[in-house]
Amino acid sequence: MNDNDYQKYVKVFETWNENRTPLTLRWKDEEYTYYPDSSEEFRPCYLETIPENEQVRFFKARNEMPKNWWVSDRGTIIRIIGNENDGYQAALYYGQGEKRLQVRIKEQAYAREAIVGIVFEDKIPWIDEKAAECIEKYGLAAFRRNGEGIEVHHCKGYATFSSRTEAMNNLKINCDLNNIRFLPANVHKVLGYIQPNMKRLYSDTETIEDIHAINEALVRADVKETTIVSPGASGRQGDIRCLGDTVTTLDGRQMSFENAIKDMLQGMILKKIN
């Protein structure tokens, strides 16, 4: 396949997208057929280098993605395969991985959810500020920085699978944009450190030791920002958010987090923290 034929890929994808015909993956011992949903939104993974695209959030990462890939807000990846002589066609992409479904880009493996989240970043409820800065700076390499970069977290948990069919069926859970978080590696560690305490924290049966465990985890992970931890129903669930130094009120005023809490307790409603 000639990667310079981007416009040809676009035309082939658009033709498929108009009709959204089912696509089938076949393996030696298994078969899976994808039936598109009319409400599923697809976007190109790749963004070419033109001024208007360079203003798009996470442009660097998307500029590194395959030119023949399109991804949906439910995790489906369609790629255009073929060549000039035999013609091109749309095909469903599976990826790799036994415990976690990954994609492969230029010999490197990435969580499928990372691709979905980058392309549909506007549909993720919130993205950690430092995580966003890291992705902007390093592109896809931000997810391969050996404990110093960005990690994908599933605040509602990750649905495991025992077959390829099950892995594809689980995309609706694992690639749910409300379930995806991009976290700096050290922030992600906090949730790992408090796994033994999570169920009690979630069920409001926590002890003083569980509360201390959160503070100890923040210190251990070297997280210095004001942080909100939302416990999950199991050890691997939960959410965490570093708030930074300031928040914005509904009338646009910037104030310290401490003063914002005081005002909130006095009846003021805070704007969603960006």
Protein backbone atom coordinates (compact mmCIF):
# COMPACT_ATOMS: atom_id res chain seq x y z
CA MET A 1 0.00 0.00 0.00
CA ASN A 2 1.28 3.43 -0.96
CA ASP A 3 0.97 5.78 2.01
CA ASN A 4 0.99 8.76 -0.35
CA ASP A 5 -2.47 7.83 -1.64
CA TYR A 6 -4.28 9.49 1.27
CA GLN A 7 -7.01 11.04 -0.89
CA LYS A 8 -7.75 7.63 -2.38
CA TYR A 9 -8.16 6.20 1.11
CA VAL A 10 -10.55 9.03 1.94
CA LYS A 11 -12.73 8.31 -1.09
CA VAL A 12 -12.87 4.57 -0.39
CA PHE A 13 -13.77 5.18 3.26
CA GLU A 14 -16.45 7.72 2.36
CA THR A 15 -18.01 5.26 -0.07
CA TRP A 16 -18.14 2.59 2.65
CA ASN A 17 -19.39 5.08 5.23
CA GLU A 18 -22.34 6.08 3.05
CA ASN A 19 -23.69 2.53 3.11
CA ARG A 20 -21.98 1.11 6.22
CA THR A 21 -22.07 -2.49 5.07
CA PRO A 22 -21.14 -5.22 7.59
CA LEU A 23 -17.47 -6.25 7.73
CA THR A 24 -16.17 -9.66 8.75
CA LEU A 25 -12.90 -10.75 10.35
CA ARG A 26 -11.90 -14.39 9.92
CA TRP A 27 -9.31 -16.36 11.78
CA LYS A 28 -8.48 -20.06 11.64
CA ASP A 29 -10.89 -20.98 14.42
CA GLU A 30 -13.09 -17.91 14.78
CA GLU A 31 -15.18 -15.41 12.85
CA TYR A 32 -16.58 -12.01 13.83
CA THR A 33 -18.95 -9.79 11.85
CA TYR A 34 -19.27 -6.11 12.62
CA TYR A 35 -22.67 -4.52 12.03
CA PRO A 36 -22.32 -0.73 11.99
CA ASP A 37 -24.69 1.40 14.03
CA SER A 38 -26.02 4.52 12.32
CA SER A 39 -25.31 6.57 15.46
CA GLU A 40 -21.63 5.59 15.53
CA GLU A 41 -19.37 8.53 14.65
CA PHE A 42 -16.17 7.95 12.64
CA ARG A 43 -13.21 10.31 12.35
CA PRO A 44 -9.90 9.95 10.51
CA CYS A 45 -7.03 8.95 12.78
CA TYR A 46 -4.52 10.79 10.61
CA LEU A 47 -4.43 14.56 10.20
CA GLU A 48 -2.31 15.91 7.37
CA THR A 49 0.04 18.84 7.94
CA ILE A 50 -1.97 21.91 7.02
CA PRO A 51 -2.40 25.09 9.11
CA GLU A 52 -5.99 24.38 10.19
CA ASN A 53 -5.11 20.87 11.37
CA GLU A 54 -2.09 22.09 13.32
CA GLN A 55 -4.51 23.93 15.62
CA VAL A 56 -6.34 20.71 16.50
CA ARG A 57 -5.65 19.35 19.98
CA PHE A 58 -3.15 16.46 19.94
CA PHE A 59 -2.27 17.16 16.29
CA LYS A 60 1.26 15.78 16.73
CA ALA A 61 -0.08 12.38 17.80
CA ARG A 62 -2.67 12.24 15.02
CA ASN A 63 -0.13 13.26 12.41
CA GLU A 64 1.78 10.09 13.35
CA MET A 65 -1.20 7.76 12.93
CA PRO A 66 -1.78 5.59 9.84
CA LYS A 67 -3.23 7.45 6.89
CA ASN A 68 -5.59 4.59 6.07
CA TRP A 69 -7.28 4.33 9.50
CA TRP A 70 -10.63 5.67 10.69
CA VAL A 71 -11.85 5.16 14.25
CA SER A 72 -15.29 5.49 15.81
CA ASP A 73 -16.37 6.83 19.18
CA ARG A 74 -17.05 3.21 20.14
CA GLY A 75 -13.58 1.93 19.36
CA THR A 76 -14.18 0.42 15.92
CA ILE A 77 -11.21 0.87 13.58
CA ILE A 78 -11.74 0.71 9.80
CA ARG A 79 -8.68 0.60 7.58
CA ILE A 80 -8.42 0.86 3.82
CA ILE A 81 -6.42 -2.00 2.33
CA GLY A 82 -5.34 -2.97 -1.19
CA ASN A 83 -3.30 -1.38 -3.95
CA GLU A 84 -3.61 0.50 -7.22
CA ASN A 85 -3.67 -2.65 -9.35
CA ASP A 86 -6.13 -4.73 -7.32
CA GLY A 87 -8.18 -1.86 -5.96
CA TYR A 88 -8.90 -0.69 -2.41
CA GLN A 89 -11.53 -1.75 0.10
CA ALA A 90 -12.62 -1.07 3.67
CA ALA A 91 -11.67 -3.71 6.25
CA LEU A 92 -12.23 -4.13 9.96
CA TYR A 93 -9.06 -3.91 12.09
CA TYR A 94 -8.53 -6.14 15.12
CA GLY A 95 -5.03 -5.49 16.45
CA GLN A 96 -3.19 -7.65 18.95
CA GLY A 97 -2.98 -8.62 22.61
CA GLU A 98 -4.09 -11.46 24.86
CA LYS A 99 -5.11 -9.48 27.95
CA ARG A 100 -5.52 -5.99 26.51
CA LEU A 101 -6.49 -5.16 22.95
CA GLN A 102 -3.75 -3.07 21.36
CA VAL A 103 -3.05 -1.49 17.99
CA ARG A 104 0.28 -1.47 16.23
CA ILE A 105 1.69 1.69 14.67
CA LYS A 106 5.20 1.76 13.19
CA GLU A 107 6.26 -1.35 15.13
CA GLN A 108 5.03 0.08 18.44
CA ALA A 109 1.99 -1.16 20.40
CA TYR A 110 -0.55 1.21 21.94
CA ALA A 111 -3.76 0.68 23.88
CA ARG A 112 -6.68 0.96 21.47
CA GLU A 113 -8.31 3.32 23.98
CA ALA A 114 -5.39 5.73 23.56
CA ILE A 115 -6.19 6.11 19.87
CA VAL A 116 -9.92 6.53 20.53
CA GLY A 117 -9.26 9.10 23.28
CA ILE A 118 -6.82 11.16 21.21
CA VAL A 119 -9.15 11.36 18.21
CA PHE A 120 -12.26 11.99 20.33
CA GLU A 121 -10.60 14.03 23.08
CA ASP A 122 -13.54 16.43 23.06
CA LYS A 123 -15.84 13.61 24.21
CA ILE A 124 -13.75 12.60 27.24
CA PRO A 125 -15.26 14.24 30.36
CA TRP A 126 -11.89 15.66 31.36
CA ILE A 127 -8.18 15.19 30.60
CA ASP A 128 -5.46 15.79 33.17
CA GLU A 129 -3.66 19.03 32.34
CA LYS A 130 -0.17 17.56 32.66
CA ALA A 131 -1.21 14.54 30.60
CA ALA A 132 -2.46 16.83 27.84
CA GLU A 133 0.80 18.80 27.85
CA CYS A 134 2.81 15.58 27.59
CA ILE A 135 0.75 14.32 24.63
CA GLU A 136 1.05 17.69 22.88
CA LYS A 137 4.83 17.63 23.35
CA TYR A 138 5.66 13.99 22.59
CA GLY A 139 2.77 12.78 20.45
CA LEU A 140 2.21 9.03 20.57
CA ALA A 141 5.57 8.62 22.31
CA ALA A 142 3.93 10.09 25.42
CA PHE A 143 2.36 6.67 25.95
CA ARG A 144 5.73 4.88 25.76
CA ARG A 145 7.90 6.76 28.26
CA ASN A 146 8.56 3.91 30.70
CA GLY A 147 6.68 5.08 33.77
CA GLU A 148 7.26 8.79 33.16
CA GLY A 149 4.66 9.36 30.48
CA ILE A 150 0.92 8.89 30.11
CA GLU A 151 -1.12 5.82 30.98
CA VAL A 152 -4.69 4.90 30.06
CA HIS A 153 -7.00 4.32 33.01
CA HIS A 154 -10.53 2.90 32.92
CA CYS A 155 -12.43 4.51 35.78
CA LYS A 156 -15.27 1.97 35.44
CA GLY A 157 -12.90 -0.95 34.93
CA TYR A 158 -11.64 -2.91 31.93
CA ALA A 159 -13.72 -5.77 30.53
CA THR A 160 -11.37 -8.70 29.94
CA PHE A 161 -11.87 -11.26 27.17
CA SER A 162 -11.11 -14.89 26.36
CA SER A 163 -11.68 -14.76 22.59
CA ARG A 164 -11.31 -12.30 19.73
CA THR A 165 -15.08 -12.09 19.38
CA GLU A 166 -15.44 -11.21 23.04
CA ALA A 167 -12.69 -8.59 22.70
CA MET A 168 -14.58 -6.91 19.86
CA ASN A 169 -17.88 -7.08 21.72
CA ASN A 170 -16.23 -5.47 24.75
CA LEU A 171 -15.18 -2.38 22.78
CA LYS A 172 -18.42 -0.67 23.76
CA ILE A 173 -17.29 -0.89 27.41
CA ASN A 174 -13.53 -0.47 27.12
CA CYS A 175 -13.69 2.34 24.55
CA ASP A 176 -16.58 4.17 26.20
CA LEU A 177 -15.22 7.71 26.30
CA ASN A 178 -16.80 8.26 29.71
CA ASN A 179 -14.66 5.37 30.96
CA ILE A 180 -11.32 6.57 29.55
CA ARG A 181 -8.81 8.73 31.44
CA PHE A 182 -5.33 9.87 30.39
CA LEU A 183 -3.22 10.12 33.56
CA PRO A 184 0.44 10.86 34.27
CA ALA A 185 2.06 7.60 35.38
CA ASN A 186 2.63 8.81 38.95
CA VAL A 187 -1.00 9.94 39.33
CA HIS A 188 -2.19 6.57 38.03
CA LYS A 189 -0.05 4.87 40.68
CA VAL A 190 -2.13 6.47 43.44
CA LEU A 191 -5.14 4.38 42.44
CA GLY A 192 -2.94 1.29 42.40
CA TYR A 193 -1.60 1.98 45.88
CA ILE A 194 -5.08 2.25 47.40
CA GLN A 195 -6.55 -0.84 45.72
CA PRO A 196 -6.79 -2.70 49.08
CA ASN A 197 -8.84 0.20 50.48
CA MET A 198 -11.05 0.89 47.47
CA LYS A 199 -14.12 -1.21 48.30
CA ARG A 200 -14.43 0.22 51.80
CA LEU A 201 -13.97 3.76 50.53
CA TYR A 202 -16.63 3.16 47.89
CA SER A 203 -19.17 1.64 50.26
CA ASP A 204 -18.72 4.32 52.94
CA THR A 205 -17.36 1.76 55.41
CA GLU A 206 -13.86 3.20 55.42
CA THR A 207 -11.70 3.37 58.51
CA ILE A 208 -9.31 6.12 59.51
CA GLU A 209 -6.55 3.87 58.15
CA ASP A 210 -8.17 3.96 54.71
CA ILE A 211 -8.21 7.76 54.77
CA HIS A 212 -4.56 7.81 55.78
CA ALA A 213 -3.84 5.38 52.94
CA ILE A 214 -4.94 7.99 50.40
CA ASN A 215 -2.60 10.60 51.83
CA GLU A 216 0.23 8.08 51.99
CA ALA A 217 -0.41 7.09 48.36
CA LEU A 218 -0.24 10.72 47.21
CA VAL A 219 3.07 11.20 49.02
CA ARG A 220 4.45 7.90 47.75
CA ALA A 221 3.52 8.80 44.16
CA ASP A 222 4.89 12.33 44.56
CA VAL A 223 1.58 13.99 43.67
CA LYS A 224 1.69 17.50 45.12
CA GLU A 225 -1.39 19.06 43.50
CA THR A 226 -4.73 19.33 45.26
CA THR A 227 -6.35 16.04 44.30
CA ILE A 228 -9.82 14.50 44.36
CA VAL A 229 -10.01 10.71 44.55
CA SER A 230 -13.34 9.10 43.65
CA PRO A 231 -13.40 5.47 44.85
CA GLY A 232 -14.60 2.70 42.55
CA ALA A 233 -16.65 -0.40 43.26
CA SER A 234 -13.57 -2.60 42.90
CA GLY A 235 -9.84 -2.21 43.36
CA ARG A 236 -9.15 -1.50 39.70
CA GLN A 237 -11.86 1.10 39.32
CA GLY A 238 -12.14 4.64 40.59
CA ASP A 239 -11.22 8.08 39.36
CA ILE A 240 -8.63 10.69 40.30
CA ARG A 241 -8.30 14.33 39.39
CA CYS A 242 -5.52 16.80 40.09
CA LEU A 243 -7.14 20.21 40.34
CA GLY A 244 -4.13 22.48 40.10
CA ASP A 245 -3.92 25.78 41.92
CA THR A 246 -6.96 27.65 40.61
CA VAL A 247 -10.56 27.12 39.55
CA THR A 248 -12.94 29.28 37.52
CA THR A 249 -16.31 30.42 38.85
CA LEU A 250 -19.44 30.79 36.74
CA ASP A 251 -18.82 34.52 36.38
CA GLY A 252 -15.29 33.88 35.08
CA ARG A 253 -13.30 34.76 38.20
CA GLN A 254 -10.08 32.87 38.97
CA MET A 255 -9.48 32.00 42.61
CA SER A 256 -7.49 29.60 44.73
CA PHE A 257 -8.96 26.16 45.28
CA GLU A 258 -9.18 26.85 49.03
CA ASN A 259 -11.18 30.05 48.54
CA ALA A 260 -13.37 28.37 45.93
CA ILE A 261 -14.34 25.67 48.41
CA LYS A 262 -15.18 28.34 50.99
CA ASP A 263 -17.41 30.13 48.49
CA MET A 264 -19.03 26.88 47.42
CA LEU A 265 -19.88 26.08 51.02
CA GLN A 266 -21.51 29.49 51.20
CA GLY A 267 -23.84 28.56 48.35
CA MET A 268 -21.94 29.50 45.20
CA ILE A 269 -21.88 27.04 42.29
CA LEU A 270 -18.53 26.46 40.63
CA LYS A 271 -18.01 26.13 36.94
CA LYS A 272 -16.76 22.74 35.79
CA ILE A 273 -13.00 22.72 36.29
CA ASN A 274 -11.16 22.71 32.97
